[in-house]
PDB file of N, CA and C in Angstrom:
ATOM      1  N   MET A   1      -3.243   8.851 -12.368  1.00  0.00           N
ATOM      2  CA  MET A   1      -3.770   7.728 -11.813  1.00  0.00           C
ATOM      3  C   MET A   1      -4.383   7.951 -10.442  1.00  0.00           C
ATOM      4  N   GLN A   2      -5.542   7.360 -10.259  1.00  0.00           N
ATOM      5  CA  GLN A   2      -6.144   7.664  -8.924  1.00  0.00           C
ATOM      6  C   GLN A   2      -5.952   6.386  -8.069  1.00  0.00           C
ATOM      7  N   ILE A   3      -5.368   6.590  -6.959  1.00  0.00           N
ATOM      8  CA  ILE A   3      -5.001   5.527  -5.908  1.00  0.00           C
ATOM      9  C   ILE A   3      -5.738   5.866  -4.611  1.00  0.00           C
ATOM     10  N   ILE A   4      -6.256   4.807  -4.005  1.00  0.00           N
ATOM     11  CA  ILE A   4      -6.795   4.879  -2.666  1.00  0.00           C
ATOM     12  C   ILE A   4      -5.903   4.019  -1.795  1.00  0.00           C
ATOM     13  N   VAL A   5      -5.321   4.603  -0.749  1.00  0.00           N
ATOM     14  CA  VAL A   5      -4.518   3.919   0.201  1.00  0.00           C
ATOM     15  C   VAL A   5      -5.099   3.825   1.597  1.00  0.00           C
ATOM     16  N   GLU A   6      -5.440   2.523   1.997  1.00  0.00           N
ATOM     17  CA  GLU A   6      -6.086   2.524   3.299  1.00  0.00           C
ATOM     18  C   GLU A   6      -5.325   1.627   4.250  1.00  0.00           C
ATOM     19  N   ARG A   7      -5.478   1.717   5.612  1.00  0.00           N
ATOM     20  CA  ARG A   7      -4.837   0.988   6.545  1.00  0.00           C
ATOM     21  C   ARG A   7      -5.451  -0.288   6.632  1.00  0.00           C
ATOM     22  N   PHE A   8      -4.575  -1.476   6.693  1.00  0.00           N
ATOM     23  CA  PHE A   8      -5.213  -2.752   6.991  1.00  0.00           C
ATOM     24  C   PHE A   8      -6.157  -2.694   8.224  1.00  0.00           C
ATOM     25  N   TYR A   9      -7.305  -3.427   8.130  1.00  0.00           N
ATOM     26  CA  TYR A   9      -8.395  -3.260   9.212  1.00  0.00           C
ATOM     27  C   TYR A   9      -7.852  -3.718  10.460  1.00  0.00           C
ATOM     28  N   LYS A  10      -6.852  -4.762  10.619  1.00  0.00           N
ATOM     29  CA  LYS A  10      -6.297  -5.132  11.871  1.00  0.00           C
ATOM     30  C   LYS A  10      -5.081  -4.565  12.226  1.00  0.00           C
ATOM     31  N   GLU A  11      -4.602  -3.497  11.521  1.00  0.00           N
ATOM     32  CA  GLU A  11      -3.246  -2.758  11.814  1.00  0.00           C
ATOM     33  C   GLU A  11      -3.303  -2.164  13.153  1.00  0.00           C
ATOM     34  N   LEU A  12      -2.419  -2.382  13.976  1.00  0.00           N
ATOM     35  CA  LEU A  12      -2.199  -1.781  15.250  1.00  0.00           C
ATOM     36  C   LEU A  12      -1.086  -0.798  15.506  1.00  0.00           C
ATOM     37  N   TYR A  13      -0.125  -0.892  14.551  1.00  0.00           N
ATOM     38  CA  TYR A  13       1.163  -0.121  14.866  1.00  0.00           C
ATOM     39  C   TYR A  13       1.401   1.119  13.939  1.00  0.00           C
ATOM     40  N   LEU A  14       1.010   0.874  12.691  1.00  0.00           N
ATOM     41  CA  LEU A  14       1.173   2.212  11.767  1.00  0.00           C
ATOM     42  C   LEU A  14       0.049   3.173  11.983  1.00  0.00           C
ATOM     43  N   PRO A  15       0.400   4.456  11.779  1.00  0.00           N
ATOM     44  CA  PRO A  15      -0.545   5.531  11.965  1.00  0.00           C
ATOM     45  C   PRO A  15      -1.481   5.569  10.789  1.00  0.00           C
ATOM     46  N   ARG A  16      -2.709   6.188  10.927  1.00  0.00           N
ATOM     47  CA  ARG A  16      -3.511   6.475   9.875  1.00  0.00           C
ATOM     48  C   ARG A  16      -2.980   7.640   8.964  1.00  0.00           C
ATOM     49  N   LEU A  17      -3.070   7.433   7.599  1.00  0.00           N
ATOM     50  CA  LEU A  17      -2.720   8.648   6.741  1.00  0.00           C
ATOM     51  C   LEU A  17      -3.710   9.805   6.938  1.00  0.00           C
ATOM     52  N   ASP A  18      -3.104  11.006   6.742  1.00  0.00           N
ATOM     53  CA  ASP A  18      -3.945  12.063   6.807  1.00  0.00           C
ATOM     54  C   ASP A  18      -4.847  12.353   5.526  1.00  0.00           C
ATOM     55  N   LYS A  19      -4.596  11.696   4.453  1.00  0.00           N
ATOM     56  CA  LYS A  19      -5.309  11.458   3.261  1.00  0.00           C
ATOM     57  C   LYS A  19      -5.267  10.104   2.731  1.00  0.00           C
ATOM     58  N   THR A  20      -6.299   9.612   2.009  1.00  0.00           N
ATOM     59  CA  THR A  20      -6.243   8.305   1.453  1.00  0.00           C
ATOM     60  C   THR A  20      -6.262   8.297  -0.114  1.00  0.00           C
ATOM     61  N   LYS A  21      -6.664   9.468  -0.629  1.00  0.00           N
ATOM     62  CA  LYS A  21      -6.765   9.550  -2.267  1.00  0.00           C
ATOM     63  C   LYS A  21      -5.500  10.234  -2.669  1.00  0.00           C
ATOM     64  N   PHE A  22      -4.889   9.580  -3.694  1.00  0.00           N
ATOM     65  CA  PHE A  22      -3.568  10.041  -4.242  1.00  0.00           C
ATOM     66  C   PHE A  22      -3.845  10.121  -5.727  1.00  0.00           C
ATOM     67  N   LEU A  23      -3.338  11.144  -6.472  1.00  0.00           N
ATOM     68  CA  LEU A  23      -3.205  11.318  -7.860  1.00  0.00           C
ATOM     69  C   LEU A  23      -1.755  11.426  -8.141  1.00  0.00           C
ATOM     70  N   VAL A  24      -1.365  10.281  -8.913  1.00  0.00           N
ATOM     71  CA  VAL A  24       0.137  10.173  -8.980  1.00  0.00           C
ATOM     72  C   VAL A  24       0.423   9.911 -10.509  1.00  0.00           C
ATOM     73  N   PRO A  25       1.592  10.279 -10.912  1.00  0.00           N
ATOM     74  CA  PRO A  25       2.072  10.160 -12.311  1.00  0.00           C
ATOM     75  C   PRO A  25       2.201   8.521 -12.530  1.00  0.00           C
ATOM     76  N   GLN A  26       1.889   8.118 -13.703  1.00  0.00           N
ATOM     77  CA  GLN A  26       2.069   6.682 -13.981  1.00  0.00           C
ATOM     78  C   GLN A  26       3.402   6.131 -14.062  1.00  0.00           C
ATOM     79  N   GLU A  27       4.452   7.033 -14.316  1.00  0.00           N
ATOM     80  CA  GLU A  27       5.651   6.451 -14.538  1.00  0.00           C
ATOM     81  C   GLU A  27       6.554   6.287 -13.209  1.00  0.00           C
ATOM     82  N   ILE A  28       6.085   6.626 -12.068  1.00  0.00           N
ATOM     83  CA  ILE A  28       6.834   6.416 -10.802  1.00  0.00           C
ATOM     84  C   ILE A  28       6.687   4.907 -10.532  1.00  0.00           C
ATOM     85  N   THR A  29       7.714   4.436  -9.819  1.00  0.00           N
ATOM     86  CA  THR A  29       7.694   3.051  -9.377  1.00  0.00           C
ATOM     87  C   THR A  29       7.052   2.696  -8.143  1.00  0.00           C
ATOM     88  N   MET A  30       6.672   1.570  -7.729  1.00  0.00           N
ATOM     89  CA  MET A  30       6.165   1.306  -6.410  1.00  0.00           C
ATOM     90  C   MET A  30       7.071   1.737  -5.315  1.00  0.00           C
ATOM     91  N   SER A  31       8.396   1.540  -5.537  1.00  0.00           N
ATOM     92  CA  SER A  31       9.469   1.907  -4.501  1.00  0.00           C
ATOM     93  C   SER A  31       9.221   3.406  -4.217  1.00  0.00           C
ATOM     94  N   GLN A  32       9.150   4.183  -5.268  1.00  0.00           N
ATOM     95  CA  GLN A  32       8.956   5.696  -5.117  1.00  0.00           C
ATOM     96  C   GLN A  32       7.772   6.042  -4.342  1.00  0.00           C
ATOM     97  N   PHE A  33       6.637   5.310  -4.752  1.00  0.00           N
ATOM     98  CA  PHE A  33       5.260   5.500  -4.028  1.00  0.00           C
ATOM     99  C   PHE A  33       5.320   5.110  -2.581  1.00  0.00           C
ATOM    100  N   VAL A  34       6.034   3.888  -2.315  1.00  0.00           N
ATOM    101  CA  VAL A  34       6.123   3.563  -0.853  1.00  0.00           C
ATOM    102  C   VAL A  34       6.955   4.648  -0.147  1.00  0.00           C
ATOM    103  N   SER A  35       7.954   5.279  -0.732  1.00  0.00           N
ATOM    104  CA  SER A  35       8.620   6.264  -0.132  1.00  0.00           C
ATOM    105  C   SER A  35       7.744   7.526   0.234  1.00  0.00           C
ATOM    106  N   ILE A  36       6.868   7.792  -0.647  1.00  0.00           N
ATOM    107  CA  ILE A  36       5.950   9.098  -0.467  1.00  0.00           C
ATOM    108  C   ILE A  36       5.117   8.593   0.685  1.00  0.00           C
ATOM    109  N   ILE A  37       4.417   7.398   0.815  1.00  0.00           N
ATOM    110  CA  ILE A  37       3.530   7.098   1.833  1.00  0.00           C
ATOM    111  C   ILE A  37       4.450   7.121   3.212  1.00  0.00           C
ATOM    112  N   ARG A  38       5.490   6.523   3.243  1.00  0.00           N
ATOM    113  CA  ARG A  38       6.269   6.396   4.402  1.00  0.00           C
ATOM    114  C   ARG A  38       6.632   7.892   4.952  1.00  0.00           C
ATOM    115  N   ASN A  39       6.865   8.701   4.098  1.00  0.00           N
ATOM    116  CA  ASN A  39       7.232  10.058   4.389  1.00  0.00           C
ATOM    117  C   ASN A  39       5.939  10.791   4.927  1.00  0.00           C
ATOM    118  N   ARG A  40       4.778  10.611   4.416  1.00  0.00           N
ATOM    119  CA  ARG A  40       3.529  11.046   4.899  1.00  0.00           C
ATOM    120  C   ARG A  40       3.170  10.615   6.402  1.00  0.00           C
ATOM    121  N   MET A  41       3.570   9.337   6.636  1.00  0.00           N
ATOM    122  CA  MET A  41       3.438   8.832   7.943  1.00  0.00           C
ATOM    123  C   MET A  41       4.416   9.202   8.850  1.00  0.00           C
ATOM    124  N   GLN A  42       5.601   9.677   8.395  1.00  0.00           N
ATOM    125  CA  GLN A  42       6.857  10.050   9.122  1.00  0.00           C
ATOM    126  C   GLN A  42       7.319   8.742   9.772  1.00  0.00           C
ATOM    127  N   LEU A  43       7.506   7.629   9.035  1.00  0.00           N
ATOM    128  CA  LEU A  43       8.029   6.392   9.625  1.00  0.00           C
ATOM    129  C   LEU A  43       9.592   6.430   9.643  1.00  0.00           C
ATOM    130  N   GLY A  44      10.155   5.774  10.627  1.00  0.00           N
ATOM    131  CA  GLY A  44      11.671   5.572  10.670  1.00  0.00           C
ATOM    132  C   GLY A  44      11.899   4.600   9.627  1.00  0.00           C
ATOM    133  N   SER A  45      13.234   4.580   9.328  1.00  0.00           N
ATOM    134  CA  SER A  45      13.852   3.693   8.268  1.00  0.00           C
ATOM    135  C   SER A  45      13.724   2.193   8.698  1.00  0.00           C
ATOM    136  N   THR A  46      13.664   2.040  10.062  1.00  0.00           N
ATOM    137  CA  THR A  46      13.589   0.643  10.508  1.00  0.00           C
ATOM    138  C   THR A  46      12.201  -0.054  10.748  1.00  0.00           C
ATOM    139  N   GLN A  47      11.209   0.836  10.582  1.00  0.00           N
ATOM    140  CA  GLN A  47       9.844   0.509  10.828  1.00  0.00           C
ATOM    141  C   GLN A  47       9.151  -0.340   9.663  1.00  0.00           C
ATOM    142  N   ALA A  48       8.709  -1.471   9.861  1.00  0.00           N
ATOM    143  CA  ALA A  48       8.278  -2.297   8.820  1.00  0.00           C
ATOM    144  C   ALA A  48       6.981  -1.628   8.076  1.00  0.00           C
ATOM    145  N   PHE A  49       6.879  -1.690   6.804  1.00  0.00           N
ATOM    146  CA  PHE A  49       5.827  -1.198   6.124  1.00  0.00           C
ATOM    147  C   PHE A  49       5.552  -1.871   4.715  1.00  0.00           C
ATOM    148  N   TYR A  50       4.359  -2.430   4.604  1.00  0.00           N
ATOM    149  CA  TYR A  50       4.137  -3.077   3.288  1.00  0.00           C
ATOM    150  C   TYR A  50       2.963  -2.620   2.679  1.00  0.00           C
ATOM    151  N   LEU A  51       2.929  -2.468   1.303  1.00  0.00           N
ATOM    152  CA  LEU A  51       1.716  -2.091   0.511  1.00  0.00           C
ATOM    153  C   LEU A  51       1.189  -3.332  -0.134  1.00  0.00           C
ATOM    154  N   LEU A  52      -0.031  -3.650   0.121  1.00  0.00           N
ATOM    155  CA  LEU A  52      -0.734  -4.782  -0.548  1.00  0.00           C
ATOM    156  C   LEU A  52      -1.887  -4.411  -1.546  1.00  0.00           C
ATOM    157  N   VAL A  53      -2.115  -5.176  -2.501  1.00  0.00           N
ATOM    158  CA  VAL A  53      -3.169  -4.938  -3.247  1.00  0.00           C
ATOM    159  C   VAL A  53      -4.140  -6.083  -3.154  1.00  0.00           C
ATOM    160  N   ASN A  54      -5.438  -5.754  -3.190  1.00  0.00           N
ATOM    161  CA  ASN A  54      -6.563  -6.677  -2.935  1.00  0.00           C
ATOM    162  C   ASN A  54      -6.410  -7.240  -1.453  1.00  0.00           C
ATOM    163  N   ASN A  55      -5.858  -6.549  -0.470  1.00  0.00           N
ATOM    164  CA  ASN A  55      -5.662  -6.949   0.888  1.00  0.00           C
ATOM    165  C   ASN A  55      -4.909  -8.265   1.044  1.00  0.00           C
ATOM    166  N   ARG A  56      -4.037  -8.615   0.053  1.00  0.00           N
ATOM    167  CA  ARG A  56      -3.335  -9.851   0.256  1.00  0.00           C
ATOM    168  C   ARG A  56      -2.026  -9.972  -0.585  1.00  0.00           C
ATOM    169  N   SER A  57      -1.842  -9.357  -1.753  1.00  0.00           N
ATOM    170  CA  SER A  57      -0.725  -9.566  -2.594  1.00  0.00           C
ATOM    171  C   SER A  57       0.256  -8.504  -2.399  1.00  0.00           C
ATOM    172  N   MET A  58       1.283  -8.738  -2.120  1.00  0.00           N
ATOM    173  CA  MET A  58       2.552  -7.812  -2.092  1.00  0.00           C
ATOM    174  C   MET A  58       3.059  -7.631  -3.509  1.00  0.00           C
ATOM    175  N   LEU A  59       3.374  -6.326  -3.764  1.00  0.00           N
ATOM    176  CA  LEU A  59       3.755  -5.878  -5.113  1.00  0.00           C
ATOM    177  C   LEU A  59       5.237  -5.921  -5.302  1.00  0.00           C
ATOM    178  N   SER A  60       5.663  -6.110  -6.471  1.00  0.00           N
ATOM    179  CA  SER A  60       7.142  -5.816  -6.803  1.00  0.00           C
ATOM    180  C   SER A  60       7.409  -4.382  -6.684  1.00  0.00           C
ATOM    181  N   LEU A  61       8.412  -3.904  -5.984  1.00  0.00           N
ATOM    182  CA  LEU A  61       8.723  -2.460  -5.760  1.00  0.00           C
ATOM    183  C   LEU A  61       9.339  -1.932  -7.067  1.00  0.00           C
ATOM    184  N   SER A  62       9.739  -2.777  -8.024  1.00  0.00           N
ATOM    185  CA  SER A  62      10.226  -2.323  -9.381  1.00  0.00           C
ATOM    186  C   SER A  62       9.154  -1.929 -10.373  1.00  0.00           C
ATOM    187  N   LYS A  63       7.932  -2.493 -10.204  1.00  0.00           N
ATOM    188  CA  LYS A  63       6.920  -2.151 -11.158  1.00  0.00           C
ATOM    189  C   LYS A  63       6.639  -0.665 -11.101  1.00  0.00           C
ATOM    190  N   THR A  64       6.147  -0.209 -12.330  1.00  0.00           N
ATOM    191  CA  THR A  64       5.598   1.226 -12.248  1.00  0.00           C
ATOM    192  C   THR A  64       4.183   1.155 -11.850  1.00  0.00           C
ATOM    193  N   LEU A  65       3.624   2.208 -11.347  1.00  0.00           N
ATOM    194  CA  LEU A  65       2.248   2.435 -11.000  1.00  0.00           C
ATOM    195  C   LEU A  65       1.329   2.016 -12.234  1.00  0.00           C
ATOM    196  N   ALA A  66       1.837   2.317 -13.304  1.00  0.00           N
ATOM    197  CA  ALA A  66       1.000   2.032 -14.640  1.00  0.00           C
ATOM    198  C   ALA A  66       0.803   0.576 -14.697  1.00  0.00           C
ATOM    199  N   GLU A  67       1.890  -0.124 -14.477  1.00  0.00           N
ATOM    200  CA  GLU A  67       1.745  -1.516 -14.526  1.00  0.00           C
ATOM    201  C   GLU A  67       0.853  -2.151 -13.464  1.00  0.00           C
ATOM    202  N   VAL A  68       0.980  -1.687 -12.347  1.00  0.00           N
ATOM    203  CA  VAL A  68       0.101  -2.204 -11.120  1.00  0.00           C
ATOM    204  C   VAL A  68      -1.352  -1.732 -11.507  1.00  0.00           C
ATOM    205  N   TYR A  69      -1.552  -0.518 -11.844  1.00  0.00           N
ATOM    206  CA  TYR A  69      -2.875   0.061 -12.129  1.00  0.00           C
ATOM    207  C   TYR A  69      -3.475  -0.756 -13.172  1.00  0.00           C
ATOM    208  N   ASN A  70      -2.921  -0.992 -14.297  1.00  0.00           N
ATOM    209  CA  ASN A  70      -3.554  -1.811 -15.420  1.00  0.00           C
ATOM    210  C   ASN A  70      -3.892  -3.237 -15.055  1.00  0.00           C
ATOM    211  N   GLU A  71      -3.128  -3.816 -14.137  1.00  0.00           N
ATOM    212  CA  GLU A  71      -3.352  -5.149 -13.702  1.00  0.00           C
ATOM    213  C   GLU A  71      -4.400  -5.149 -12.584  1.00  0.00           C
ATOM    214  N   TYR A  72      -4.551  -4.179 -11.653  1.00  0.00           N
ATOM    215  CA  TYR A  72      -5.383  -4.529 -10.522  1.00  0.00           C
ATOM    216  C   TYR A  72      -6.359  -3.411 -10.285  1.00  0.00           C
ATOM    217  N   ARG A  73      -6.564  -2.403 -11.089  1.00  0.00           N
ATOM    218  CA  ARG A  73      -7.564  -1.470 -10.931  1.00  0.00           C
ATOM    219  C   ARG A  73      -9.018  -1.971 -10.811  1.00  0.00           C
ATOM    220  N   ALA A  74      -9.820  -1.360  -9.953  1.00  0.00           N
ATOM    221  CA  ALA A  74     -11.222  -1.676  -9.891  1.00  0.00           C
ATOM    222  C   ALA A  74     -12.086  -1.216 -10.988  1.00  0.00           C
ATOM    223  N   ASP A  75     -13.200  -1.705 -10.960  1.00  0.00           N
ATOM    224  CA  ASP A  75     -14.235  -1.324 -12.130  1.00  0.00           C
ATOM    225  C   ASP A  75     -14.456   0.241 -11.966  1.00  0.00           C
ATOM    226  N   ASP A  76     -14.369   0.916 -10.757  1.00  0.00           N
ATOM    227  CA  ASP A  76     -14.539   2.188 -10.561  1.00  0.00           C
ATOM    228  C   ASP A  76     -13.502   3.201 -11.147  1.00  0.00           C
ATOM    229  N   GLY A  77     -12.433   2.526 -11.516  1.00  0.00           N
ATOM    230  CA  GLY A  77     -11.255   3.302 -12.064  1.00  0.00           C
ATOM    231  C   GLY A  77     -10.285   3.511 -10.992  1.00  0.00           C
ATOM    232  N   PHE A  78     -10.306   3.196  -9.797  1.00  0.00           N
ATOM    233  CA  PHE A  78      -9.460   3.315  -8.752  1.00  0.00           C
ATOM    234  C   PHE A  78      -8.571   2.127  -8.478  1.00  0.00           C
ATOM    235  N   LEU A  79      -7.308   2.431  -8.143  1.00  0.00           N
ATOM    236  CA  LEU A  79      -6.387   1.372  -7.623  1.00  0.00           C
ATOM    237  C   LEU A  79      -6.470   1.401  -6.181  1.00  0.00           C
ATOM    238  N   TYR A  80      -6.814   0.149  -5.321  1.00  0.00           N
ATOM    239  CA  TYR A  80      -6.947   0.240  -3.910  1.00  0.00           C
ATOM    240  C   TYR A  80      -5.725  -0.504  -3.421  1.00  0.00           C
ATOM    241  N   LEU A  81      -4.958   0.099  -2.567  1.00  0.00           N
ATOM    242  CA  LEU A  81      -3.876  -0.380  -1.835  1.00  0.00           C
ATOM    243  C   LEU A  81      -4.114  -0.497  -0.408  1.00  0.00           C
ATOM    244  N   THR A  82      -3.602  -1.249   0.342  1.00  0.00           N
ATOM    245  CA  THR A  82      -3.809  -1.437   1.701  1.00  0.00           C
ATOM    246  C   THR A  82      -2.262  -1.379   2.323  1.00  0.00           C
ATOM    247  N   TYR A  83      -2.038  -0.662   3.444  1.00  0.00           N
ATOM    248  CA  TYR A  83      -0.791  -0.738   3.951  1.00  0.00           C
ATOM    249  C   TYR A  83      -0.894  -1.360   5.426  1.00  0.00           C
ATOM    250  N   ALA A  84       0.219  -2.161   5.766  1.00  0.00           N
ATOM    251  CA  ALA A  84       0.319  -2.985   6.991  1.00  0.00           C
ATOM    252  C   ALA A  84       1.747  -3.012   7.458  1.00  0.00           C
ATOM    253  N   SER A  85       1.873  -3.289   8.749  1.00  0.00           N
ATOM    254  CA  SER A  85       3.142  -3.531   9.207  1.00  0.00           C
ATOM    255  C   SER A  85       3.369  -5.115   9.193  1.00  0.00           C
ATOM    256  N   GLN A  86       4.605  -5.530   9.475  1.00  0.00           N
ATOM    257  CA  GLN A  86       4.956  -6.945   9.403  1.00  0.00           C
ATOM    258  C   GLN A  86       4.118  -7.696  10.421  1.00  0.00           C
ATOM    259  N   GLU A  87       3.749  -7.190  11.553  1.00  0.00           N
ATOM    260  CA  GLU A  87       3.058  -7.759  12.656  1.00  0.00           C
ATOM    261  C   GLU A  87       1.744  -8.378  12.364  1.00  0.00           C
ATOM    262  N   VAL A  88       1.054  -7.748  11.168  1.00  0.00           N
ATOM    263  CA  VAL A  88      -0.279  -8.213  10.954  1.00  0.00           C
ATOM    264  C   VAL A  88      -0.402  -9.571  10.113  1.00  0.00           C
ATOM    265  N   PHE A  89       0.967  -9.899   9.525  1.00  0.00           N
ATOM    266  CA  PHE A  89       0.933 -11.015   8.505  1.00  0.00           C
ATOM    267  C   PHE A  89       0.644 -12.348   9.412  1.00  0.00           C
ATOM    268  N   GLY A  90      -0.186 -13.150   8.826  1.00  0.00           N
ATOM    269  CA  GLY A  90      -0.561 -14.350   9.563  1.00  0.00           C
ATOM    270  C   GLY A  90      -1.585 -14.328  10.472  1.00  0.00           C
ATOM    271  N   CYS A  91      -2.088 -13.061  10.727  1.00  0.00           N
ATOM    272  CA  CYS A  91      -3.074 -12.916  11.809  1.00  0.00           C
ATOM    273  C   CYS A  91      -4.418 -13.694  11.544  1.00  0.00           C
ATOM    274  N   CYS A  92      -4.646 -14.088  10.331  1.00  0.00           N
ATOM    275  CA  CYS A  92      -5.907 -14.612  10.129  1.00  0.00           C
ATOM    276  C   CYS A  92      -5.869 -16.125   9.672  1.00  0.00           C
ATOM    277  N   GLU A  93      -4.595 -16.746   9.642  1.00  0.00           N
ATOM    278  CA  GLU A  93      -4.483 -18.081   9.332  1.00  0.00           C
ATOM    279  C   GLU A  93      -4.581 -18.867  10.483  1.00  0.00           C
ATOM    280  N   GLY A  94      -5.167 -20.060  10.382  1.00  0.00           N
ATOM    281  CA  GLY A  94      -5.596 -21.048  11.404  1.00  0.00           C
ATOM    282  C   GLY A  94      -4.465 -21.748  12.065  1.00  0.00           C
ATOM    283  N   GLY A  95      -4.584 -21.923  13.329  1.00  0.00           N
ATOM    284  CA  GLY A  95      -3.647 -22.822  14.015  1.00  0.00           C
ATOM    285  C   GLY A  95      -2.361 -22.394  14.352  1.00  0.00           C
ATOM    286  N   THR A  96      -1.573 -21.502  13.593  1.00  0.00           N
ATOM    287  CA  THR A  96      -0.256 -21.377  13.900  1.00  0.00           C
ATOM    288  C   THR A  96       0.026 -19.866  14.301  1.00  0.00           C
TER     289      THR A  96
END
């Protein structure tokens, strides 16, 4: 499966990935894929990291990539995921 992983546009804390396109087996879980991305960024175990689909929805880490791909893939055949740290949540909501 083809996955594009991009940094959230307002992200300030997490580094950019050295590559954004991934070809991964469909049977791995989101938890395993998160570990792959965290390792590529060399994040510490205490550093917050979230993968979002459609720039807003957090995914269950127990789902396989096949399940996520079948539900959320774009018309071009790619699954687009965005990564962010906890600090960006709520950045665009009004008033609070």
